[in-house]
């Protein structure tokens, strides 16, 4: 069977995994998970007890969670596409380093701003969290700008796109949502985002998220329900339904 990516809406970081699947060109299916609704349901918790997207059911029925693990699995199935690299190679190390930085620093920088969005904070607490969050996001973007300046090409790892570019495109857009800075404040980051916006796989992922008819895809085999995804997973017991 083809693998299933359970992606979160609105604006989940799982966006990057959709892009990566499109870039590989291998058959896959999707399952749409609303946040905070379906992601906290008993059915989804059976797949991922921490109630976060993405989750991924591999072609063998194994369940993966966490974007970096999922992206690494996707890349390993399609080394011929140049999105990931052979374990032990210098390029493999460079990609892992970039993915680790994107996850621990770039993704994490938005934590305080998402907390304000998701919780009923007011007054001084809200102002403090927003100031702290904006500072973290600005620092992360200064670092990303410097990484791109020292790079050897238009993409995060140089001359060709990799899983790191797929991952960053789902996260960098959050700066627009939270209104942290003007897009041209970081010209190299802006150029990378513009390049990604023109990419067919990124445009496909946007259409999927927005529930619009997606562009033609040779890999996408359609959506499945959360129940169907559960049924495809090995060793997962679906929760009993109330009668």
C-alpha atoms as a PDB file:
ATOM      1  CA  UNK A   1       0.000   0.000   0.000  1.00  0.00           C
ATOM      2  CA  UNK A   2       1.071   3.599  -0.389  1.00  0.00           C
ATOM      3  CA  UNK A   3       2.005   5.579   2.739  1.00  0.00           C
ATOM      4  CA  UNK A   4      -0.386   8.006   4.418  1.00  0.00           C
ATOM      5  CA  UNK A   5       0.581  11.435   5.753  1.00  0.00           C
ATOM      6  CA  UNK A   6      -1.767  12.855   8.371  1.00  0.00           C
ATOM      7  CA  UNK A   7      -1.315  16.614   8.051  1.00  0.00           C
ATOM      8  CA  UNK A   8      -2.618  19.401  10.274  1.00  0.00           C
ATOM      9  CA  UNK A   9      -4.660  22.423   9.322  1.00  0.00           C
ATOM     10  CA  UNK A  10      -4.518  25.346   9.546  1.00  0.00           C
ATOM     11  CA  UNK A  11      -0.878  26.084   8.671  1.00  0.00           C
ATOM     12  CA  UNK A  12       0.740  23.026  10.234  1.00  0.00           C
ATOM     13  CA  UNK A  13       4.453  22.326   9.906  1.00  0.00           C
ATOM     14  CA  UNK A  14       3.317  19.105   8.195  1.00  0.00           C
ATOM     15  CA  UNK A  15       3.093  21.287   5.073  1.00  0.00           C
ATOM     16  CA  UNK A  16       6.765  20.509   4.490  1.00  0.00           C
ATOM     17  CA  UNK A  17       6.106  16.777   4.430  1.00  0.00           C
ATOM     18  CA  UNK A  18       3.450  17.247   1.735  1.00  0.00           C
ATOM     19  CA  UNK A  19       5.999  19.167  -0.327  1.00  0.00           C
ATOM     20  CA  UNK A  20       8.614  16.452   0.208  1.00  0.00           C
ATOM     21  CA  UNK A  21       6.192  13.727  -0.904  1.00  0.00           C
ATOM     22  CA  UNK A  22       5.422  15.661  -4.068  1.00  0.00           C
ATOM     23  CA  UNK A  23       9.114  16.141  -4.765  1.00  0.00           C
ATOM     24  CA  UNK A  24       9.838  12.427  -4.480  1.00  0.00           C
ATOM     25  CA  UNK A  25       7.146  11.529  -7.018  1.00  0.00           C
ATOM     26  CA  UNK A  26       6.347   8.274  -5.165  1.00  0.00           C
ATOM     27  CA  UNK A  27       2.671   7.307  -4.587  1.00  0.00           C
ATOM     28  CA  UNK A  28       1.169   8.551  -1.331  1.00  0.00           C
ATOM     29  CA  UNK A  29      -2.126   9.400   0.329  1.00  0.00           C
ATOM     30  CA  UNK A  30      -3.178  12.153   2.718  1.00  0.00           C
ATOM     31  CA  UNK A  31      -5.473  12.439   5.717  1.00  0.00           C
ATOM     32  CA  UNK A  32      -6.700  15.888   6.783  1.00  0.00           C
ATOM     33  CA  UNK A  33      -6.545  16.578  10.531  1.00  0.00           C
ATOM     34  CA  UNK A  34      -8.103  19.726  11.965  1.00  0.00           C
ATOM     35  CA  UNK A  35      -6.350  21.485  14.828  1.00  0.00           C
ATOM     36  CA  UNK A  36      -7.283  21.655  17.652  1.00  0.00           C
ATOM     37  CA  UNK A  37     -10.328  19.467  16.862  1.00  0.00           C
ATOM     38  CA  UNK A  38      -9.430  16.098  15.337  1.00  0.00           C
ATOM     39  CA  UNK A  39      -5.834  16.225  16.565  1.00  0.00           C
ATOM     40  CA  UNK A  40      -7.056  15.687  20.144  1.00  0.00           C
ATOM     41  CA  UNK A  41      -9.574  12.976  19.261  1.00  0.00           C
ATOM     42  CA  UNK A  42      -9.237   9.455  20.641  1.00  0.00           C
ATOM     43  CA  UNK A  43      -8.707   8.178  17.102  1.00  0.00           C
ATOM     44  CA  UNK A  44      -5.727  10.453  16.431  1.00  0.00           C
ATOM     45  CA  UNK A  45      -4.304   9.923  19.915  1.00  0.00           C
ATOM     46  CA  UNK A  46      -4.145   6.216  19.094  1.00  0.00           C
ATOM     47  CA  UNK A  47      -1.599   7.168  16.417  1.00  0.00           C
ATOM     48  CA  UNK A  48       0.185   9.939  18.298  1.00  0.00           C
ATOM     49  CA  UNK A  49      -0.418  10.274  22.048  1.00  0.00           C
ATOM     50  CA  UNK A  50       1.131  13.763  22.119  1.00  0.00           C
ATOM     51  CA  UNK A  51      -1.675  15.138  19.899  1.00  0.00           C
ATOM     52  CA  UNK A  52       0.511  16.750  17.253  1.00  0.00           C
ATOM     53  CA  UNK A  53       0.727  16.539  13.484  1.00  0.00           C
ATOM     54  CA  UNK A  54       2.241  15.260  11.331  1.00  0.00           C
ATOM     55  CA  UNK A  55       1.841  11.534  11.710  1.00  0.00           C
ATOM     56  CA  UNK A  56       2.805   9.082   8.999  1.00  0.00           C
ATOM     57  CA  UNK A  57       1.785   5.519   8.241  1.00  0.00           C
ATOM     58  CA  UNK A  58       4.543   3.945   6.165  1.00  0.00           C
ATOM     59  CA  UNK A  59       4.006   1.568   3.271  1.00  0.00           C
ATOM     60  CA  UNK A  60       4.646  -1.259   5.763  1.00  0.00           C
ATOM     61  CA  UNK A  61       2.060   0.047   8.217  1.00  0.00           C
ATOM     62  CA  UNK A  62       4.534   1.406  10.759  1.00  0.00           C
ATOM     63  CA  UNK A  63       3.652   4.719  12.405  1.00  0.00           C
ATOM     64  CA  UNK A  64       6.100   7.622  12.499  1.00  0.00           C
ATOM     65  CA  UNK A  65       5.647  10.965  14.221  1.00  0.00           C
ATOM     66  CA  UNK A  66       7.743  14.163  14.290  1.00  0.00           C
ATOM     67  CA  UNK A  67       8.568  16.035  11.097  1.00  0.00           C
ATOM     68  CA  UNK A  68      12.283  15.238  11.084  1.00  0.00           C
ATOM     69  CA  UNK A  69      11.702  11.489  11.399  1.00  0.00           C
ATOM     70  CA  UNK A  70       9.026  11.587   8.697  1.00  0.00           C
ATOM     71  CA  UNK A  71      11.106  13.691   6.322  1.00  0.00           C
ATOM     72  CA  UNK A  72      14.112  11.411   6.827  1.00  0.00           C
ATOM     73  CA  UNK A  73      11.977   8.369   6.007  1.00  0.00           C
ATOM     74  CA  UNK A  74      10.573  10.043   2.887  1.00  0.00           C
ATOM     75  CA  UNK A  75      14.029  11.035   1.700  1.00  0.00           C
ATOM     76  CA  UNK A  76      15.493   7.573   2.301  1.00  0.00           C
ATOM     77  CA  UNK A  77      12.880   6.067  -0.009  1.00  0.00           C
ATOM     78  CA  UNK A  78      13.944   8.346  -2.864  1.00  0.00           C
ATOM     79  CA  UNK A  79      17.697   8.927  -2.678  1.00  0.00           C
ATOM     80  CA  UNK A  80      17.745   9.090  -6.464  1.00  0.00           C
ATOM     81  CA  UNK A  81      15.864  12.415  -6.318  1.00  0.00           C
ATOM     82  CA  UNK A  82      18.677  14.159  -4.440  1.00  0.00           C
ATOM     83  CA  UNK A  83      16.460  15.350  -1.590  1.00  0.00           C
ATOM     84  CA  UNK A  84      18.408  13.295   0.957  1.00  0.00           C
ATOM     85  CA  UNK A  85      21.746  11.507   0.984  1.00  0.00           C
ATOM     86  CA  UNK A  86      23.411   8.221   1.811  1.00  0.00           C
ATOM     87  CA  UNK A  87      24.019   7.742   5.524  1.00  0.00           C
ATOM     88  CA  UNK A  88      27.657   8.338   6.382  1.00  0.00           C
ATOM     89  CA  UNK A  89      28.260  10.837   3.588  1.00  0.00           C
ATOM     90  CA  UNK A  90      29.241  14.465   4.176  1.00  0.00           C
ATOM     91  CA  UNK A  91      26.020  15.624   2.507  1.00  0.00           C
ATOM     92  CA  UNK A  92      24.004  13.426   4.888  1.00  0.00           C
ATOM     93  CA  UNK A  93      25.684  15.145   7.833  1.00  0.00           C
ATOM     94  CA  UNK A  94      25.084  18.615   6.387  1.00  0.00           C
ATOM     95  CA  UNK A  95      21.403  17.868   5.804  1.00  0.00           C
ATOM     96  CA  UNK A  96      20.932  16.475   9.316  1.00  0.00           C
ATOM     97  CA  UNK A  97      22.637  19.519  10.793  1.00  0.00           C
ATOM     98  CA  UNK A  98      20.348  21.880   8.882  1.00  0.00           C
ATOM     99  CA  UNK A  99      17.197  19.926   9.751  1.00  0.00           C
ATOM    100  CA  UNK A 100      18.230  19.894  13.415  1.00  0.00           C
ATOM    101  CA  UNK A 101      18.752  23.661  13.411  1.00  0.00           C
ATOM    102  CA  UNK A 102      15.442  24.283  11.669  1.00  0.00           C
ATOM    103  CA  UNK A 103      13.644  22.152  14.244  1.00  0.00           C
ATOM    104  CA  UNK A 104      15.351  23.243  17.454  1.00  0.00           C
ATOM    105  CA  UNK A 105      15.885  26.932  16.633  1.00  0.00           C
ATOM    106  CA  UNK A 106      13.735  28.127  13.725  1.00  0.00           C
ATOM    107  CA  UNK A 107      10.582  26.153  14.545  1.00  0.00           C
ATOM    108  CA  UNK A 108      10.995  26.681  18.283  1.00  0.00           C
ATOM    109  CA  UNK A 109      11.329  30.458  17.849  1.00  0.00           C
ATOM    110  CA  UNK A 110       7.601  30.728  17.142  1.00  0.00           C
ATOM    111  CA  UNK A 111       6.556  28.926  20.339  1.00  0.00           C
ATOM    112  CA  UNK A 112       5.682  31.990  22.424  1.00  0.00           C
ATOM    113  CA  UNK A 113       3.681  33.616  19.617  1.00  0.00           C
ATOM    114  CA  UNK A 114       1.670  30.434  19.077  1.00  0.00           C
ATOM    115  CA  UNK A 115       1.069  30.235  22.816  1.00  0.00           C
ATOM    116  CA  UNK A 116      -0.470  33.723  22.773  1.00  0.00           C
ATOM    117  CA  UNK A 117      -2.604  32.721  19.787  1.00  0.00           C
ATOM    118  CA  UNK A 118      -3.851  29.506  21.385  1.00  0.00           C
ATOM    119  CA  UNK A 119      -4.416  30.714  24.960  1.00  0.00           C
ATOM    120  CA  UNK A 120      -6.450  33.428  26.617  1.00  0.00           C
ATOM    121  CA  UNK A 121      -3.601  35.713  27.664  1.00  0.00           C
ATOM    122  CA  UNK A 122      -4.159  39.404  28.338  1.00  0.00           C
ATOM    123  CA  UNK A 123      -2.404  42.508  29.581  1.00  0.00           C
ATOM    124  CA  UNK A 124       1.183  42.397  30.759  1.00  0.00           C
ATOM    125  CA  UNK A 125       1.493  38.626  30.294  1.00  0.00           C
ATOM    126  CA  UNK A 126       0.428  38.862  26.657  1.00  0.00           C
ATOM    127  CA  UNK A 127       2.718  41.822  25.965  1.00  0.00           C
ATOM    128  CA  UNK A 128       5.695  40.064  27.543  1.00  0.00           C
ATOM    129  CA  UNK A 129       5.123  36.862  25.588  1.00  0.00           C
ATOM    130  CA  UNK A 130       4.713  38.773  22.325  1.00  0.00           C
ATOM    131  CA  UNK A 131       7.895  40.776  22.896  1.00  0.00           C
ATOM    132  CA  UNK A 132       9.823  37.638  23.793  1.00  0.00           C
ATOM    133  CA  UNK A 133       8.400  35.729  20.831  1.00  0.00           C
ATOM    134  CA  UNK A 134       9.132  38.475  18.315  1.00  0.00           C
ATOM    135  CA  UNK A 135      12.685  38.690  19.586  1.00  0.00           C
ATOM    136  CA  UNK A 136      13.159  34.936  19.167  1.00  0.00           C
ATOM    137  CA  UNK A 137      11.750  34.989  15.633  1.00  0.00           C
ATOM    138  CA  UNK A 138      13.917  37.933  14.610  1.00  0.00           C
ATOM    139  CA  UNK A 139      17.035  36.246  16.005  1.00  0.00           C
ATOM    140  CA  UNK A 140      16.252  33.010  14.171  1.00  0.00           C
ATOM    141  CA  UNK A 141      15.783  34.914  10.913  1.00  0.00           C
ATOM    142  CA  UNK A 142      19.065  36.767  11.373  1.00  0.00           C
ATOM    143  CA  UNK A 143      20.751  33.393  11.780  1.00  0.00           C
ATOM    144  CA  UNK A 144      19.007  31.949   8.725  1.00  0.00           C
ATOM    145  CA  UNK A 145      20.007  35.003   6.694  1.00  0.00           C
ATOM    146  CA  UNK A 146      23.632  34.442   7.729  1.00  0.00           C
ATOM    147  CA  UNK A 147      23.471  30.744   6.831  1.00  0.00           C
ATOM    148  CA  UNK A 148      22.164  31.609   3.374  1.00  0.00           C
ATOM    149  CA  UNK A 149      24.832  34.293   2.920  1.00  0.00           C
ATOM    150  CA  UNK A 150      27.561  31.745   3.614  1.00  0.00           C
ATOM    151  CA  UNK A 151      25.977  29.094   1.423  1.00  0.00           C
ATOM    152  CA  UNK A 152      27.051  27.997  -2.023  1.00  0.00           C
ATOM    153  CA  UNK A 153      23.805  28.338  -3.935  1.00  0.00           C
ATOM    154  CA  UNK A 154      20.191  29.445  -3.889  1.00  0.00           C
ATOM    155  CA  UNK A 155      18.943  26.648  -1.608  1.00  0.00           C
ATOM    156  CA  UNK A 156      19.652  25.927   2.042  1.00  0.00           C
ATOM    157  CA  UNK A 157      22.347  23.367   1.234  1.00  0.00           C
ATOM    158  CA  UNK A 158      23.612  24.935  -1.947  1.00  0.00           C
ATOM    159  CA  UNK A 159      22.888  24.284  -5.598  1.00  0.00           C
ATOM    160  CA  UNK A 160      19.906  21.958  -5.270  1.00  0.00           C
ATOM    161  CA  UNK A 161      16.825  21.729  -3.109  1.00  0.00           C
ATOM    162  CA  UNK A 162      16.651  19.170  -0.304  1.00  0.00           C
ATOM    163  CA  UNK A 163      14.323  18.080   2.474  1.00  0.00           C
ATOM    164  CA  UNK A 164      15.490  21.137   4.423  1.00  0.00           C
ATOM    165  CA  UNK A 165      13.890  23.452   1.861  1.00  0.00           C
ATOM    166  CA  UNK A 166      10.658  21.475   2.013  1.00  0.00           C
ATOM    167  CA  UNK A 167      10.605  21.774   5.809  1.00  0.00           C
ATOM    168  CA  UNK A 168      11.435  25.475   6.004  1.00  0.00           C
ATOM    169  CA  UNK A 169       8.672  26.506   3.622  1.00  0.00           C
ATOM    170  CA  UNK A 170       5.982  25.362   6.052  1.00  0.00           C
ATOM    171  CA  UNK A 171       7.524  27.281   8.954  1.00  0.00           C
ATOM    172  CA  UNK A 172       8.819  30.541   7.456  1.00  0.00           C
ATOM    173  CA  UNK A 173       5.279  31.621   6.500  1.00  0.00           C
ATOM    174  CA  UNK A 174       4.403  31.895  10.197  1.00  0.00           C
ATOM    175  CA  UNK A 175       6.345  35.171  10.371  1.00  0.00           C
ATOM    176  CA  UNK A 176       3.787  36.672   7.978  1.00  0.00           C
ATOM    177  CA  UNK A 177       0.879  35.326  10.004  1.00  0.00           C
ATOM    178  CA  UNK A 178       2.198  36.854  13.219  1.00  0.00           C
ATOM    179  CA  UNK A 179       3.282  40.090  11.492  1.00  0.00           C
ATOM    180  CA  UNK A 180       6.769  40.039  12.984  1.00  0.00           C
ATOM    181  CA  UNK A 181       8.564  42.015  10.242  1.00  0.00           C
ATOM    182  CA  UNK A 182       8.319  43.149   6.642  1.00  0.00           C
ATOM    183  CA  UNK A 183       9.244  40.436   4.163  1.00  0.00           C
ATOM    184  CA  UNK A 184      12.197  42.423   2.732  1.00  0.00           C
ATOM    185  CA  UNK A 185      13.869  42.745   6.144  1.00  0.00           C
ATOM    186  CA  UNK A 186      15.818  39.572   5.344  1.00  0.00           C
ATOM    187  CA  UNK A 187      16.463  39.608   1.580  1.00  0.00           C
ATOM    188  CA  UNK A 188      18.079  36.170   1.273  1.00  0.00           C
ATOM    189  CA  UNK A 189      15.296  34.534   3.255  1.00  0.00           C
ATOM    190  CA  UNK A 190      12.773  36.420   1.121  1.00  0.00           C
ATOM    191  CA  UNK A 191      14.474  35.204  -2.070  1.00  0.00           C
ATOM    192  CA  UNK A 192      14.374  31.598  -0.845  1.00  0.00           C
ATOM    193  CA  UNK A 193      10.702  31.909   0.017  1.00  0.00           C
ATOM    194  CA  UNK A 194       9.921  33.435  -3.386  1.00  0.00           C
ATOM    195  CA  UNK A 195      11.767  30.596  -5.104  1.00  0.00           C
ATOM    196  CA  UNK A 196       9.779  28.068  -3.101  1.00  0.00           C
ATOM    197  CA  UNK A 197       6.498  29.872  -3.802  1.00  0.00           C
ATOM    198  CA  UNK A 198       7.099  29.291  -7.529  1.00  0.00           C
ATOM    199  CA  UNK A 199       7.661  25.556  -6.998  1.00  0.00           C
ATOM    200  CA  UNK A 200       4.927  23.199  -8.224  1.00  0.00           C
ATOM    201  CA  UNK A 201       5.138  21.001  -5.118  1.00  0.00           C
ATOM    202  CA  UNK A 202       4.710  23.982  -2.810  1.00  0.00           C
ATOM    203  CA  UNK A 203       1.766  25.243  -4.850  1.00  0.00           C
ATOM    204  CA  UNK A 204       0.229  21.773  -4.644  1.00  0.00           C
ATOM    205  CA  UNK A 205       0.601  21.745  -0.849  1.00  0.00           C
ATOM    206  CA  UNK A 206      -1.048  25.168  -0.572  1.00  0.00           C
ATOM    207  CA  UNK A 207      -4.027  23.932  -2.593  1.00  0.00           C
ATOM    208  CA  UNK A 208      -4.316  20.862  -0.365  1.00  0.00           C
ATOM    209  CA  UNK A 209      -4.248  22.952   2.811  1.00  0.00           C
ATOM    210  CA  UNK A 210      -6.800  25.423   1.475  1.00  0.00           C
ATOM    211  CA  UNK A 211      -9.066  22.589   0.318  1.00  0.00           C
ATOM    212  CA  UNK A 212      -8.898  23.739  -3.305  1.00  0.00           C
ATOM    213  CA  UNK A 213      -8.647  21.516  -6.387  1.00  0.00           C
ATOM    214  CA  UNK A 214      -4.911  20.720  -6.436  1.00  0.00           C
ATOM    215  CA  UNK A 215      -2.728  20.922  -9.532  1.00  0.00           C
ATOM    216  CA  UNK A 216      -2.105  17.674 -11.359  1.00  0.00           C
ATOM    217  CA  UNK A 217       0.107  15.235  -9.463  1.00  0.00           C
ATOM    218  CA  UNK A 218       1.566  11.924 -10.574  1.00  0.00           C
ATOM    219  CA  UNK A 219       2.053  10.802  -6.956  1.00  0.00           C
ATOM    220  CA  UNK A 220      -1.004  11.877  -4.931  1.00  0.00           C
ATOM    221  CA  UNK A 221      -3.586   9.086  -4.677  1.00  0.00           C
ATOM    222  CA  UNK A 222      -6.232  11.020  -2.768  1.00  0.00           C
ATOM    223  CA  UNK A 223      -7.426  11.614   0.764  1.00  0.00           C
ATOM    224  CA  UNK A 224      -8.405   8.922   3.242  1.00  0.00           C
ATOM    225  CA  UNK A 225     -10.278   9.252   6.520  1.00  0.00           C
ATOM    226  CA  UNK A 226      -8.626   9.081   9.922  1.00  0.00           C
ATOM    227  CA  UNK A 227     -10.383   5.739  10.444  1.00  0.00           C
ATOM    228  CA  UNK A 228      -8.853   4.404   7.222  1.00  0.00           C
ATOM    229  CA  UNK A 229      -5.418   5.599   8.304  1.00  0.00           C
ATOM    230  CA  UNK A 230      -5.862   3.810  11.627  1.00  0.00           C
ATOM    231  CA  UNK A 231      -6.881   0.631   9.833  1.00  0.00           C
ATOM    232  CA  UNK A 232      -3.675   0.795   7.761  1.00  0.00           C
ATOM    233  CA  UNK A 233      -1.420   1.099  10.808  1.00  0.00           C
ATOM    234  CA  UNK A 234       0.161  -1.989  12.333  1.00  0.00           C
ATOM    235  CA  UNK A 235      -0.269  -2.591  16.041  1.00  0.00           C
ATOM    236  CA  UNK A 236      -2.718   0.272  16.574  1.00  0.00           C
ATOM    237  CA  UNK A 237      -6.039  -0.531  18.212  1.00  0.00           C
ATOM    238  CA  UNK A 238      -8.805   1.813  17.102  1.00  0.00           C
ATOM    239  CA  UNK A 239     -10.706   3.312  20.051  1.00  0.00           C
ATOM    240  CA  UNK A 240     -14.182   1.961  20.715  1.00  0.00           C
ATOM    241  CA  UNK A 241     -16.978   4.202  19.512  1.00  0.00           C
ATOM    242  CA  UNK A 242     -19.796   5.235  21.792  1.00  0.00           C
ATOM    243  CA  UNK A 243     -23.164   3.688  20.932  1.00  0.00           C
END
